[in-house]
PDB file of N, CA and C in Angstrom:
ATOM      1  N   MET A   1     106.328  80.021  81.955  1.00  0.00           N
ATOM      2  CA  MET A   1     105.847  80.821  81.070  1.00  0.00           C
ATOM      3  C   MET A   1     106.638  80.994  79.712  1.00  0.00           C
ATOM      4  N   HIS A   2     105.841  80.483  78.905  1.00  0.00           N
ATOM      5  CA  HIS A   2     105.969  80.667  77.317  1.00  0.00           C
ATOM      6  C   HIS A   2     106.523  82.022  77.115  1.00  0.00           C
ATOM      7  N   THR A   3     107.877  81.949  75.798  1.00  0.00           N
ATOM      8  CA  THR A   3     108.175  83.211  75.780  1.00  0.00           C
ATOM      9  C   THR A   3     107.292  84.288  75.077  1.00  0.00           C
ATOM     10  N   ASP A   4     106.085  83.793  74.067  1.00  0.00           N
ATOM     11  CA  ASP A   4     105.359  84.958  74.530  1.00  0.00           C
ATOM     12  C   ASP A   4     104.706  85.359  74.999  1.00  0.00           C
ATOM     13  N   SER A   5     104.679  84.793  76.318  1.00  0.00           N
ATOM     14  CA  SER A   5     104.116  84.974  77.533  1.00  0.00           C
ATOM     15  C   SER A   5     104.824  86.454  78.283  1.00  0.00           C
ATOM     16  N   VAL A   6     106.411  85.535  78.356  1.00  0.00           N
ATOM     17  CA  VAL A   6     107.039  86.643  78.972  1.00  0.00           C
ATOM     18  C   VAL A   6     107.292  87.859  78.064  1.00  0.00           C
ATOM     19  N   SER A   7     107.609  88.127  76.982  1.00  0.00           N
ATOM     20  CA  SER A   7     107.769  88.777  76.230  1.00  0.00           C
ATOM     21  C   SER A   7     106.606  90.086  76.245  1.00  0.00           C
ATOM     22  N   TYR A   8     105.027  89.325  76.512  1.00  0.00           N
ATOM     23  CA  TYR A   8     103.980  90.020  76.285  1.00  0.00           C
ATOM     24  C   TYR A   8     103.995  91.129  78.276  1.00  0.00           C
ATOM     25  N   HIS A   9     104.854  90.087  79.108  1.00  0.00           N
ATOM     26  CA  HIS A   9     104.611  90.688  80.801  1.00  0.00           C
ATOM     27  C   HIS A   9     105.830  91.670  80.744  1.00  0.00           C
ATOM     28  N   PHE A  10     106.856  91.673  80.012  1.00  0.00           N
ATOM     29  CA  PHE A  10     107.498  92.658  79.870  1.00  0.00           C
ATOM     30  C   PHE A  10     107.004  93.920  79.403  1.00  0.00           C
ATOM     31  N   GLU A  11     106.742  93.792  78.075  1.00  0.00           N
ATOM     32  CA  GLU A  11     105.357  94.853  77.037  1.00  0.00           C
ATOM     33  C   GLU A  11     104.892  95.759  77.785  1.00  0.00           C
ATOM     34  N   ASN A  12     104.080  95.084  78.989  1.00  0.00           N
ATOM     35  CA  ASN A  12     102.865  95.351  79.247  1.00  0.00           C
ATOM     36  C   ASN A  12     103.918  96.208  80.562  1.00  0.00           C
ATOM     37  N   GLN A  13     104.897  96.075  81.279  1.00  0.00           N
ATOM     38  CA  GLN A  13     104.959  96.386  82.355  1.00  0.00           C
ATOM     39  C   GLN A  13     105.807  98.041  81.925  1.00  0.00           C
ATOM     40  N   ARG A  14     106.688  98.004  80.587  1.00  0.00           N
ATOM     41  CA  ARG A  14     107.198  99.284  80.079  1.00  0.00           C
ATOM     42  C   ARG A  14     105.429 100.209  79.820  1.00  0.00           C
ATOM     43  N   ARG A  15     104.746  99.635  79.484  1.00  0.00           N
ATOM     44  CA  ARG A  15     104.115 101.051  79.231  1.00  0.00           C
ATOM     45  C   ARG A  15     103.019 101.194  80.570  1.00  0.00           C
ATOM     46  N   ARG A  16     103.007 100.347  81.474  1.00  0.00           N
ATOM     47  CA  ARG A  16     103.038 101.516  82.770  1.00  0.00           C
ATOM     48  C   ARG A  16     103.676 102.161  83.307  1.00  0.00           C
ATOM     49  N   ARG A  17     104.958 102.396  82.857  1.00  0.00           N
ATOM     50  CA  ARG A  17     105.769 103.308  83.208  1.00  0.00           C
ATOM     51  C   ARG A  17     105.540 104.128  83.900  1.00  0.00           C
ATOM     52  N   SER A  18     105.981 105.528  84.074  1.00  0.00           N
ATOM     53  CA  SER A  18     105.543 106.899  83.395  1.00  0.00           C
ATOM     54  C   SER A  18     106.728 107.767  84.451  1.00  0.00           C
ATOM     55  N   GLY A  19     106.756 108.807  83.368  1.00  0.00           N
ATOM     56  CA  GLY A  19     107.898 109.654  83.710  1.00  0.00           C
ATOM     57  C   GLY A  19     107.809 110.714  85.187  1.00  0.00           C
ATOM     58  N   ASP A  20     106.464 110.697  85.629  1.00  0.00           N
ATOM     59  CA  ASP A  20     106.420 110.931  86.648  1.00  0.00           C
ATOM     60  C   ASP A  20     106.580 110.641  87.622  1.00  0.00           C
ATOM     61  N   ARG A  21     107.660 110.602  89.078  1.00  0.00           N
ATOM     62  CA  ARG A  21     108.107 109.976  90.121  1.00  0.00           C
ATOM     63  C   ARG A  21     106.959 109.452  90.553  1.00  0.00           C
ATOM     64  N   THR A  22     106.062 110.563  91.428  1.00  0.00           N
ATOM     65  CA  THR A  22     105.264 110.296  92.148  1.00  0.00           C
ATOM     66  C   THR A  22     104.633 108.546  91.810  1.00  0.00           C
ATOM     67  N   LEU A  23     104.008 108.658  90.461  1.00  0.00           N
ATOM     68  CA  LEU A  23     103.036 107.916  89.568  1.00  0.00           C
ATOM     69  C   LEU A  23     104.128 106.940  89.574  1.00  0.00           C
ATOM     70  N   ALA A  24     104.997 106.941  89.349  1.00  0.00           N
ATOM     71  CA  ALA A  24     106.123 105.500  88.791  1.00  0.00           C
ATOM     72  C   ALA A  24     106.264 104.901  90.109  1.00  0.00           C
ATOM     73  N   LEU A  25     106.466 105.607  91.112  1.00  0.00           N
ATOM     74  CA  LEU A  25     106.513 104.846  92.657  1.00  0.00           C
ATOM     75  C   LEU A  25     105.750 104.270  92.954  1.00  0.00           C
ATOM     76  N   ASN A  26     104.100 104.615  92.476  1.00  0.00           N
ATOM     77  CA  ASN A  26     102.804 103.968  92.896  1.00  0.00           C
ATOM     78  C   ASN A  26     102.588 102.831  91.977  1.00  0.00           C
ATOM     79  N   LEU A  27     103.158 102.569  91.044  1.00  0.00           N
ATOM     80  CA  LEU A  27     103.323 101.487  90.187  1.00  0.00           C
ATOM     81  C   LEU A  27     104.430 100.460  90.342  1.00  0.00           C
ATOM     82  N   GLN A  28     105.130 100.850  90.857  1.00  0.00           N
ATOM     83  CA  GLN A  28     106.139 100.180  91.584  1.00  0.00           C
ATOM     84  C   GLN A  28     105.742  99.269  92.625  1.00  0.00           C
ATOM     85  N   LEU A  29     104.863  99.914  93.417  1.00  0.00           N
ATOM     86  CA  LEU A  29     104.723  99.387  94.519  1.00  0.00           C
ATOM     87  C   LEU A  29     103.760  98.388  93.929  1.00  0.00           C
ATOM     88  N   GLU A  30     103.003  98.769  93.386  1.00  0.00           N
ATOM     89  CA  GLU A  30     102.170  97.808  93.112  1.00  0.00           C
ATOM     90  C   GLU A  30     102.375  96.718  92.245  1.00  0.00           C
ATOM     91  N   GLN A  31     103.715  96.803  91.819  1.00  0.00           N
ATOM     92  CA  GLN A  31     104.098  95.609  90.911  1.00  0.00           C
ATOM     93  C   GLN A  31     104.667  94.335  92.105  1.00  0.00           C
ATOM     94  N   VAL A  32     105.251  94.793  93.025  1.00  0.00           N
ATOM     95  CA  VAL A  32     105.504  94.284  94.031  1.00  0.00           C
ATOM     96  C   VAL A  32     104.655  93.041  94.402  1.00  0.00           C
ATOM     97  N   VAL A  33     103.553  93.935  95.059  1.00  0.00           N
ATOM     98  CA  VAL A  33     102.855  93.387  95.449  1.00  0.00           C
ATOM     99  C   VAL A  33     102.097  92.240  94.737  1.00  0.00           C
ATOM    100  N   ASN A  34     101.815  92.458  93.368  1.00  0.00           N
ATOM    101  CA  ASN A  34     101.268  91.786  92.270  1.00  0.00           C
ATOM    102  C   ASN A  34     102.264  90.527  92.371  1.00  0.00           C
ATOM    103  N   ASP A  35     103.663  90.999  92.046  1.00  0.00           N
ATOM    104  CA  ASP A  35     104.563  89.690  91.860  1.00  0.00           C
ATOM    105  C   ASP A  35     104.763  88.741  92.794  1.00  0.00           C
ATOM    106  N   PHE A  36     104.499  89.332  94.489  1.00  0.00           N
ATOM    107  CA  PHE A  36     105.012  88.541  94.935  1.00  0.00           C
ATOM    108  C   PHE A  36     103.894  88.167  96.120  1.00  0.00           C
ATOM    109  N   GLU A  37     102.653  88.614  95.438  1.00  0.00           N
ATOM    110  CA  GLU A  37     101.395  87.711  96.268  1.00  0.00           C
ATOM    111  C   GLU A  37     101.534  88.815  97.724  1.00  0.00           C
ATOM    112  N   LEU A  38     101.709  89.859  97.919  1.00  0.00           N
ATOM    113  CA  LEU A  38     102.142  90.535  99.247  1.00  0.00           C
ATOM    114  C   LEU A  38     100.404  91.301  99.602  1.00  0.00           C
ATOM    115  N   GLY A  39     100.240  91.813 100.956  1.00  0.00           N
ATOM    116  CA  GLY A  39      99.520  92.134 101.322  1.00  0.00           C
ATOM    117  C   GLY A  39      99.525  93.758 100.549  1.00  0.00           C
ATOM    118  N   ALA A  40     100.255  94.561 101.068  1.00  0.00           N
ATOM    119  CA  ALA A  40     100.935  95.691 101.255  1.00  0.00           C
ATOM    120  C   ALA A  40     102.139  95.916 100.805  1.00  0.00           C
ATOM    121  N   CYS A  41     102.450  97.347 100.041  1.00  0.00           N
ATOM    122  CA  CYS A  41     103.520  97.831 100.399  1.00  0.00           C
ATOM    123  C   CYS A  41     103.635  99.520 100.296  1.00  0.00           C
ATOM    124  N   LEU A  42     104.554  99.760 100.976  1.00  0.00           N
ATOM    125  CA  LEU A  42     104.626 101.887 101.019  1.00  0.00           C
ATOM    126  C   LEU A  42     106.220 101.881 100.930  1.00  0.00           C
ATOM    127  N   LEU A  43     106.179 103.167 100.501  1.00  0.00           N
ATOM    128  CA  LEU A  43     107.462 103.582 100.743  1.00  0.00           C
ATOM    129  C   LEU A  43     107.254 105.320 101.842  1.00  0.00           C
ATOM    130  N   ALA A  44     108.371 105.345 102.630  1.00  0.00           N
ATOM    131  CA  ALA A  44     108.106 106.611 103.573  1.00  0.00           C
ATOM    132  C   ALA A  44     109.577 107.474 103.414  1.00  0.00           C
ATOM    133  N   ASP A  45     109.844 108.731 103.854  1.00  0.00           N
ATOM    134  CA  ASP A  45     110.916 109.247 103.774  1.00  0.00           C
ATOM    135  C   ASP A  45     111.000 109.228 104.938  1.00  0.00           C
ATOM    136  N   GLU A  46     112.394 109.777 105.460  1.00  0.00           N
ATOM    137  CA  GLU A  46     113.381 109.402 106.604  1.00  0.00           C
ATOM    138  C   GLU A  46     112.234 109.910 108.242  1.00  0.00           C
ATOM    139  N   SER A  47     111.719 111.222 107.777  1.00  0.00           N
ATOM    140  CA  SER A  47     110.371 111.193 108.562  1.00  0.00           C
ATOM    141  C   SER A  47     109.252 110.712 108.970  1.00  0.00           C
ATOM    142  N   GLY A  48     109.365 109.837 108.199  1.00  0.00           N
ATOM    143  CA  GLY A  48     107.918 108.285 107.964  1.00  0.00           C
ATOM    144  C   GLY A  48     106.823 109.145 107.267  1.00  0.00           C
ATOM    145  N   GLU A  49     106.566 110.098 106.668  1.00  0.00           N
ATOM    146  CA  GLU A  49     106.580 110.569 105.694  1.00  0.00           C
ATOM    147  C   GLU A  49     106.027 109.124 104.743  1.00  0.00           C
ATOM    148  N   LEU A  50     104.581 109.278 104.142  1.00  0.00           N
ATOM    149  CA  LEU A  50     104.277 108.247 103.324  1.00  0.00           C
ATOM    150  C   LEU A  50     104.220 109.214 101.474  1.00  0.00           C
ATOM    151  N   ILE A  51     105.351 108.385 101.314  1.00  0.00           N
ATOM    152  CA  ILE A  51     105.468 108.877  99.819  1.00  0.00           C
ATOM    153  C   ILE A  51     104.384 108.355  98.866  1.00  0.00           C
ATOM    154  N   ALA A  52     104.696 107.701  98.712  1.00  0.00           N
ATOM    155  CA  ALA A  52     104.095 106.200  97.716  1.00  0.00           C
ATOM    156  C   ALA A  52     103.493 105.048  98.505  1.00  0.00           C
ATOM    157  N   ALA A  53     102.184 104.406  98.199  1.00  0.00           N
ATOM    158  CA  ALA A  53     101.828 102.765  98.519  1.00  0.00           C
ATOM    159  C   ALA A  53     100.329 102.622  97.407  1.00  0.00           C
ATOM    160  N   SER A  54     100.818 100.877  97.802  1.00  0.00           N
ATOM    161  CA  SER A  54      99.928  99.960  96.677  1.00  0.00           C
ATOM    162  C   SER A  54      98.750 100.299  97.180  1.00  0.00           C
ATOM    163  N   HIS A  55      98.217 100.190  95.700  1.00  0.00           N
ATOM    164  CA  HIS A  55      96.535 100.530  96.619  1.00  0.00           C
ATOM    165  C   HIS A  55      95.602  99.554  97.302  1.00  0.00           C
ATOM    166  N   THR A  56      96.403  98.542  97.846  1.00  0.00           N
ATOM    167  CA  THR A  56      95.867  97.852  98.909  1.00  0.00           C
ATOM    168  C   THR A  56      96.176  98.282 100.612  1.00  0.00           C
ATOM    169  N   CYS A  57      96.843  99.478 100.162  1.00  0.00           N
ATOM    170  CA  CYS A  57      96.673 100.395 101.522  1.00  0.00           C
ATOM    171  C   CYS A  57      95.779 101.333 101.459  1.00  0.00           C
ATOM    172  N   THR A  58      94.253 100.679 101.505  1.00  0.00           N
ATOM    173  CA  THR A  58      93.219 101.747 101.488  1.00  0.00           C
ATOM    174  C   THR A  58      93.119 102.825 102.294  1.00  0.00           C
ATOM    175  N   THR A  59      93.146 102.711 103.558  1.00  0.00           N
ATOM    176  CA  THR A  59      92.999 103.196 104.388  1.00  0.00           C
ATOM    177  C   THR A  59      94.400 104.173 105.687  1.00  0.00           C
ATOM    178  N   ALA A  60      93.667 105.186 106.300  1.00  0.00           N
ATOM    179  CA  ALA A  60      94.746 106.239 106.648  1.00  0.00           C
ATOM    180  C   ALA A  60      95.142 105.361 108.025  1.00  0.00           C
ATOM    181  N   TYR A  61      94.112 104.207 108.339  1.00  0.00           N
ATOM    182  CA  TYR A  61      95.393 103.230 109.321  1.00  0.00           C
ATOM    183  C   TYR A  61      96.160 102.494 108.764  1.00  0.00           C
ATOM    184  N   ASP A  62      96.236 102.111 107.680  1.00  0.00           N
ATOM    185  CA  ASP A  62      96.840 101.066 107.021  1.00  0.00           C
ATOM    186  C   ASP A  62      98.153 102.467 107.106  1.00  0.00           C
ATOM    187  N   LYS A  63      97.903 103.122 106.285  1.00  0.00           N
ATOM    188  CA  LYS A  63      99.209 103.863 106.013  1.00  0.00           C
ATOM    189  C   LYS A  63      99.565 104.240 107.169  1.00  0.00           C
ATOM    190  N   ALA A  64      99.132 104.535 108.868  1.00  0.00           N
ATOM    191  CA  ALA A  64      99.752 105.129 109.287  1.00  0.00           C
ATOM    192  C   ALA A  64     100.512 104.116 110.504  1.00  0.00           C
ATOM    193  N   LEU A  65     100.127 102.669 109.966  1.00  0.00           N
ATOM    194  CA  LEU A  65     100.602 101.878 110.958  1.00  0.00           C
ATOM    195  C   LEU A  65     102.058 101.691 109.925  1.00  0.00           C
ATOM    196  N   GLY A  66     101.864 101.355 108.618  1.00  0.00           N
ATOM    197  CA  GLY A  66     102.839 101.173 108.084  1.00  0.00           C
ATOM    198  C   GLY A  66     104.258 102.109 108.379  1.00  0.00           C
ATOM    199  N   ALA A  67     104.221 103.548 108.499  1.00  0.00           N
ATOM    200  CA  ALA A  67     104.806 104.798 108.515  1.00  0.00           C
ATOM    201  C   ALA A  67     105.374 104.449 109.966  1.00  0.00           C
ATOM    202  N   LEU A  68     104.965 103.835 110.683  1.00  0.00           N
ATOM    203  CA  LEU A  68     104.669 103.478 112.599  1.00  0.00           C
ATOM    204  C   LEU A  68     106.037 102.412 112.254  1.00  0.00           C
ATOM    205  N   LYS A  69     105.501 101.307 111.372  1.00  0.00           N
ATOM    206  CA  LYS A  69     106.206 100.093 111.398  1.00  0.00           C
ATOM    207  C   LYS A  69     108.054 100.529 110.951  1.00  0.00           C
ATOM    208  N   ALA A  70     107.709 101.337 109.912  1.00  0.00           N
ATOM    209  CA  ALA A  70     109.104 101.366 109.222  1.00  0.00           C
ATOM    210  C   ALA A  70     110.134 102.196 110.025  1.00  0.00           C
ATOM    211  N   SER A  71     109.635 102.876 111.108  1.00  0.00           N
ATOM    212  CA  SER A  71     110.799 103.326 111.840  1.00  0.00           C
ATOM    213  C   SER A  71     111.571 102.414 112.603  1.00  0.00           C
ATOM    214  N   ALA A  72     111.436 101.107 112.678  1.00  0.00           N
ATOM    215  CA  ALA A  72     112.216  99.744 113.551  1.00  0.00           C
ATOM    216  C   ALA A  72     112.389  99.240 111.885  1.00  0.00           C
ATOM    217  N   ASN A  73     113.684  99.006 111.793  1.00  0.00           N
ATOM    218  CA  ASN A  73     114.597  98.055 110.277  1.00  0.00           C
ATOM    219  C   ASN A  73     114.224  96.661 111.194  1.00  0.00           C
ATOM    220  N   GLY A  74     113.783  96.181 110.305  1.00  0.00           N
ATOM    221  CA  GLY A  74     113.655  94.220 110.602  1.00  0.00           C
ATOM    222  C   GLY A  74     112.624  93.886 109.872  1.00  0.00           C
ATOM    223  N   ALA A  75     111.895  92.988 110.736  1.00  0.00           N
ATOM    224  CA  ALA A  75     110.832  92.287 110.498  1.00  0.00           C
ATOM    225  C   ALA A  75     109.953  91.890 111.387  1.00  0.00           C
ATOM    226  N   GLN A  76     108.479  91.856 111.793  1.00  0.00           N
ATOM    227  CA  GLN A  76     107.751  91.636 112.771  1.00  0.00           C
ATOM    228  C   GLN A  76     106.208  91.926 111.942  1.00  0.00           C
ATOM    229  N   ASP A  77     105.404  90.780 113.172  1.00  0.00           N
ATOM    230  CA  ASP A  77     104.071  90.761 112.817  1.00  0.00           C
ATOM    231  C   ASP A  77     103.753  91.042 111.555  1.00  0.00           C
ATOM    232  N   GLY A  78     104.306  89.803 110.455  1.00  0.00           N
ATOM    233  CA  GLY A  78     104.146  89.881 109.480  1.00  0.00           C
ATOM    234  C   GLY A  78     104.610  90.683 108.254  1.00  0.00           C
ATOM    235  N   ILE A  79     105.457  92.018 108.894  1.00  0.00           N
ATOM    236  CA  ILE A  79     105.563  93.374 108.161  1.00  0.00           C
ATOM    237  C   ILE A  79     107.213  93.317 108.161  1.00  0.00           C
ATOM    238  N   SER A  80     108.165  93.458 106.893  1.00  0.00           N
ATOM    239  CA  SER A  80     109.542  93.700 106.891  1.00  0.00           C
ATOM    240  C   SER A  80     109.387  95.450 106.523  1.00  0.00           C
ATOM    241  N   VAL A  81     110.298  96.050 107.181  1.00  0.00           N
ATOM    242  CA  VAL A  81     110.801  97.193 106.726  1.00  0.00           C
ATOM    243  C   VAL A  81     112.592  97.132 106.751  1.00  0.00           C
ATOM    244  N   ARG A  82     112.361  98.332 105.723  1.00  0.00           N
ATOM    245  CA  ARG A  82     114.792  98.165 104.999  1.00  0.00           C
ATOM    246  C   ARG A  82     114.479 100.147 105.405  1.00  0.00           C
ATOM    247  N   GLU A  83     116.111  99.924 105.687  1.00  0.00           N
ATOM    248  CA  GLU A  83     116.258 101.563 105.303  1.00  0.00           C
ATOM    249  C   GLU A  83     117.040 101.156 103.934  1.00  0.00           C
ATOM    250  N   PHE A  84     116.842 102.513 103.165  1.00  0.00           N
ATOM    251  CA  PHE A  84     117.968 102.521 102.249  1.00  0.00           C
ATOM    252  C   PHE A  84     118.203 104.480 101.887  1.00  0.00           C
ATOM    253  N   HIS A  85     119.005 104.306 100.932  1.00  0.00           N
ATOM    254  CA  HIS A  85     119.337 105.714 100.365  1.00  0.00           C
ATOM    255  C   HIS A  85     118.665 105.548  98.828  1.00  0.00           C
ATOM    256  N   ALA A  86     118.686 106.736  98.450  1.00  0.00           N
ATOM    257  CA  ALA A  86     118.562 106.770  96.672  1.00  0.00           C
ATOM    258  C   ALA A  86     118.488 108.476  96.739  1.00  0.00           C
ATOM    259  N   SER A  87     119.403 108.736  95.487  1.00  0.00           N
ATOM    260  CA  SER A  87     119.480 110.038  95.355  1.00  0.00           C
ATOM    261  C   SER A  87     119.874 111.134  96.353  1.00  0.00           C
ATOM    262  N   GLY A  88     120.926 110.758  97.436  1.00  0.00           N
ATOM    263  CA  GLY A  88     121.728 111.392  98.333  1.00  0.00           C
ATOM    264  C   GLY A  88     119.825 111.246  99.290  1.00  0.00           C
ATOM    265  N   SER A  89     119.363 110.712  99.753  1.00  0.00           N
ATOM    266  CA  SER A  89     118.433 110.569 100.562  1.00  0.00           C
ATOM    267  C   SER A  89     117.790 109.656 101.080  1.00  0.00           C
ATOM    268  N   ARG A  90     117.813 109.142 102.452  1.00  0.00           N
ATOM    269  CA  ARG A  90     117.059 108.000 102.984  1.00  0.00           C
ATOM    270  C   ARG A  90     115.681 107.764 103.144  1.00  0.00           C
ATOM    271  N   TYR A  91     114.989 106.412 102.751  1.00  0.00           N
ATOM    272  CA  TYR A  91     114.194 105.776 102.888  1.00  0.00           C
ATOM    273  C   TYR A  91     114.102 104.761 103.554  1.00  0.00           C
ATOM    274  N   LEU A  92     112.157 104.652 103.705  1.00  0.00           N
ATOM    275  CA  LEU A  92     112.176 103.149 104.319  1.00  0.00           C
ATOM    276  C   LEU A  92     110.684 102.682 103.439  1.00  0.00           C
ATOM    277  N   VAL A  93     110.966 101.069 103.202  1.00  0.00           N
ATOM    278  CA  VAL A  93     110.403 100.264 103.143  1.00  0.00           C
ATOM    279  C   VAL A  93     109.800  99.743 103.390  1.00  0.00           C
ATOM    280  N   ALA A  94     108.136  98.898 103.126  1.00  0.00           N
ATOM    281  CA  ALA A  94     107.818  98.311 104.442  1.00  0.00           C
ATOM    282  C   ALA A  94     106.769  97.122 103.234  1.00  0.00           C
ATOM    283  N   THR A  95     106.966  96.135 103.695  1.00  0.00           N
ATOM    284  CA  THR A  95     105.615  94.668 103.141  1.00  0.00           C
ATOM    285  C   THR A  95     104.991  94.260 103.536  1.00  0.00           C
ATOM    286  N   SER A  96     104.251  93.903 103.310  1.00  0.00           N
ATOM    287  CA  SER A  96     103.046  92.915 104.645  1.00  0.00           C
ATOM    288  C   SER A  96     102.339  91.652 103.813  1.00  0.00           C
ATOM    289  N   GLY A  97     102.721  90.942 104.253  1.00  0.00           N
ATOM    290  CA  GLY A  97     102.641  89.744 103.832  1.00  0.00           C
ATOM    291  C   GLY A  97     102.095  88.665 104.730  1.00  0.00           C
ATOM    292  N   GLN A  98     101.857  87.431 104.257  1.00  0.00           N
ATOM    293  CA  GLN A  98     101.777  86.115 105.107  1.00  0.00           C
ATOM    294  C   GLN A  98     103.230  85.543 104.822  1.00  0.00           C
ATOM    295  N   GLU A  99     103.724  85.486 103.799  1.00  0.00           N
ATOM    296  CA  GLU A  99     104.908  84.772 103.875  1.00  0.00           C
ATOM    297  C   GLU A  99     106.382  85.669 104.342  1.00  0.00           C
ATOM    298  N   PRO A 100     107.385  85.352 105.064  1.00  0.00           N
ATOM    299  CA  PRO A 100     108.421  86.145 105.382  1.00  0.00           C
ATOM    300  C   PRO A 100     109.249  85.977 104.610  1.00  0.00           C
ATOM    301  N   VAL A 101     109.237  85.134 103.536  1.00  0.00           N
ATOM    302  CA  VAL A 101     110.753  85.197 102.912  1.00  0.00           C
ATOM    303  C   VAL A 101     109.891  85.946 101.192  1.00  0.00           C
ATOM    304  N   MET A 102     109.004  86.246 101.008  1.00  0.00           N
ATOM    305  CA  MET A 102     108.370  86.547 100.326  1.00  0.00           C
ATOM    306  C   MET A 102     108.708  88.693 100.368  1.00  0.00           C
ATOM    307  N   ASN A 103     107.876  88.716 101.765  1.00  0.00           N
ATOM    308  CA  ASN A 103     107.777  89.866 102.222  1.00  0.00           C
ATOM    309  C   ASN A 103     109.163  90.484 101.890  1.00  0.00           C
ATOM    310  N   GLU A 104     110.367  89.876 102.412  1.00  0.00           N
ATOM    311  CA  GLU A 104     111.832  89.710 101.922  1.00  0.00           C
ATOM    312  C   GLU A 104     112.448  90.657 100.818  1.00  0.00           C
ATOM    313  N   VAL A 105     111.550  89.887  99.609  1.00  0.00           N
ATOM    314  CA  VAL A 105     112.025  89.541  98.462  1.00  0.00           C
ATOM    315  C   VAL A 105     111.397  90.550  97.947  1.00  0.00           C
ATOM    316  N   GLY A 106     109.918  90.929  98.461  1.00  0.00           N
ATOM    317  CA  GLY A 106     109.174  92.238  97.749  1.00  0.00           C
ATOM    318  C   GLY A 106     110.164  93.643  98.019  1.00  0.00           C
ATOM    319  N   VAL A 107     110.453  93.740  99.955  1.00  0.00           N
ATOM    320  CA  VAL A 107     111.570  94.763 100.083  1.00  0.00           C
ATOM    321  C   VAL A 107     112.634  95.343  99.224  1.00  0.00           C
ATOM    322  N   TYR A 108     113.341  94.037  98.751  1.00  0.00           N
ATOM    323  CA  TYR A 108     114.412  94.594  97.654  1.00  0.00           C
ATOM    324  C   TYR A 108     114.551  94.744  96.825  1.00  0.00           C
ATOM    325  N   ARG A 109     113.180  94.073  95.446  1.00  0.00           N
ATOM    326  CA  ARG A 109     112.731  94.171  94.432  1.00  0.00           C
ATOM    327  C   ARG A 109     112.087  95.896  94.369  1.00  0.00           C
ATOM    328  N   ALA A 110     111.563  96.463  95.624  1.00  0.00           N
ATOM    329  CA  ALA A 110     111.352  97.422  96.022  1.00  0.00           C
ATOM    330  C   ALA A 110     112.128  98.809  95.301  1.00  0.00           C
ATOM    331  N   ILE A 111     113.215  98.274  96.499  1.00  0.00           N
ATOM    332  CA  ILE A 111     114.270  99.131  96.523  1.00  0.00           C
ATOM    333  C   ILE A 111     114.996  99.230  95.210  1.00  0.00           C
ATOM    334  N   LEU A 112     115.031  98.326  94.357  1.00  0.00           N
ATOM    335  CA  LEU A 112     115.746  98.196  93.644  1.00  0.00           C
ATOM    336  C   LEU A 112     114.540  99.200  92.569  1.00  0.00           C
ATOM    337  N   GLY A 113     113.593  99.490  92.272  1.00  0.00           N
ATOM    338  CA  GLY A 113     112.704  99.839  91.542  1.00  0.00           C
ATOM    339  C   GLY A 113     112.643 101.247  91.950  1.00  0.00           C
ATOM    340  N   VAL A 114     112.783 101.665  93.291  1.00  0.00           N
ATOM    341  CA  VAL A 114     113.127 102.670  93.900  1.00  0.00           C
ATOM    342  C   VAL A 114     114.040 103.446  93.409  1.00  0.00           C
ATOM    343  N   ARG A 115     115.219 102.994  93.085  1.00  0.00           N
ATOM    344  CA  ARG A 115     116.431 103.909  92.917  1.00  0.00           C
ATOM    345  C   ARG A 115     116.149 103.866  91.225  1.00  0.00           C
ATOM    346  N   ARG A 116     116.178 102.725  90.672  1.00  0.00           N
ATOM    347  CA  ARG A 116     115.991 103.121  89.072  1.00  0.00           C
ATOM    348  C   ARG A 116     115.232 104.031  88.665  1.00  0.00           C
ATOM    349  N   ILE A 117     113.897 104.816  89.163  1.00  0.00           N
ATOM    350  CA  ILE A 117     112.924 105.566  88.852  1.00  0.00           C
ATOM    351  C   ILE A 117     113.624 106.859  89.438  1.00  0.00           C
ATOM    352  N   HIS A 118     114.205 106.891  90.197  1.00  0.00           N
ATOM    353  CA  HIS A 118     115.124 107.910  91.080  1.00  0.00           C
ATOM    354  C   HIS A 118     115.690 108.147  90.506  1.00  0.00           C
ATOM    355  N   THR A 119     117.003 107.284  89.145  1.00  0.00           N
ATOM    356  CA  THR A 119     117.769 107.448  88.526  1.00  0.00           C
ATOM    357  C   THR A 119     116.940 108.416  87.323  1.00  0.00           C
ATOM    358  N   ASN A 120     116.160 107.399  86.562  1.00  0.00           N
ATOM    359  CA  ASN A 120     115.047 107.759  85.696  1.00  0.00           C
ATOM    360  C   ASN A 120     114.058 109.168  85.458  1.00  0.00           C
ATOM    361  N   THR A 121     113.431 109.698  86.455  1.00  0.00           N
ATOM    362  CA  THR A 121     112.603 110.589  86.590  1.00  0.00           C
ATOM    363  C   THR A 121     113.336 111.988  87.342  1.00  0.00           C
ATOM    364  N   ARG A 122     112.202 112.607  87.402  1.00  0.00           N
ATOM    365  CA  ARG A 122     112.404 114.033  88.026  1.00  0.00           C
ATOM    366  C   ARG A 122     111.292 114.100  88.946  1.00  0.00           C
TER     367      ARG A 122
END
């Protein structure tokens, strides 16, 4: 990537950030899907309730499937799931895609973003 392209990319990302936590979380998950060419990314709380999802989770079925898969930490059937804590609460993040390595990288990028958002928003 050319230096000007990199600068534009990061400036564009900053403009897409939001002070609203829900919108910021959705934007973060969307960015993870785009960066790692994933099928979907979602965030659920410890009870399995969906908090945020990429726009690629278009149906209630997709969202429910993701929340159900989020009950098990690990990777199965093209879906990677990890449990983590942010702001004293337990969350689950799940990604789905063709490349298992990209699923895992996407999960960890999502976790970093969610923690940053929890620190910087209300």
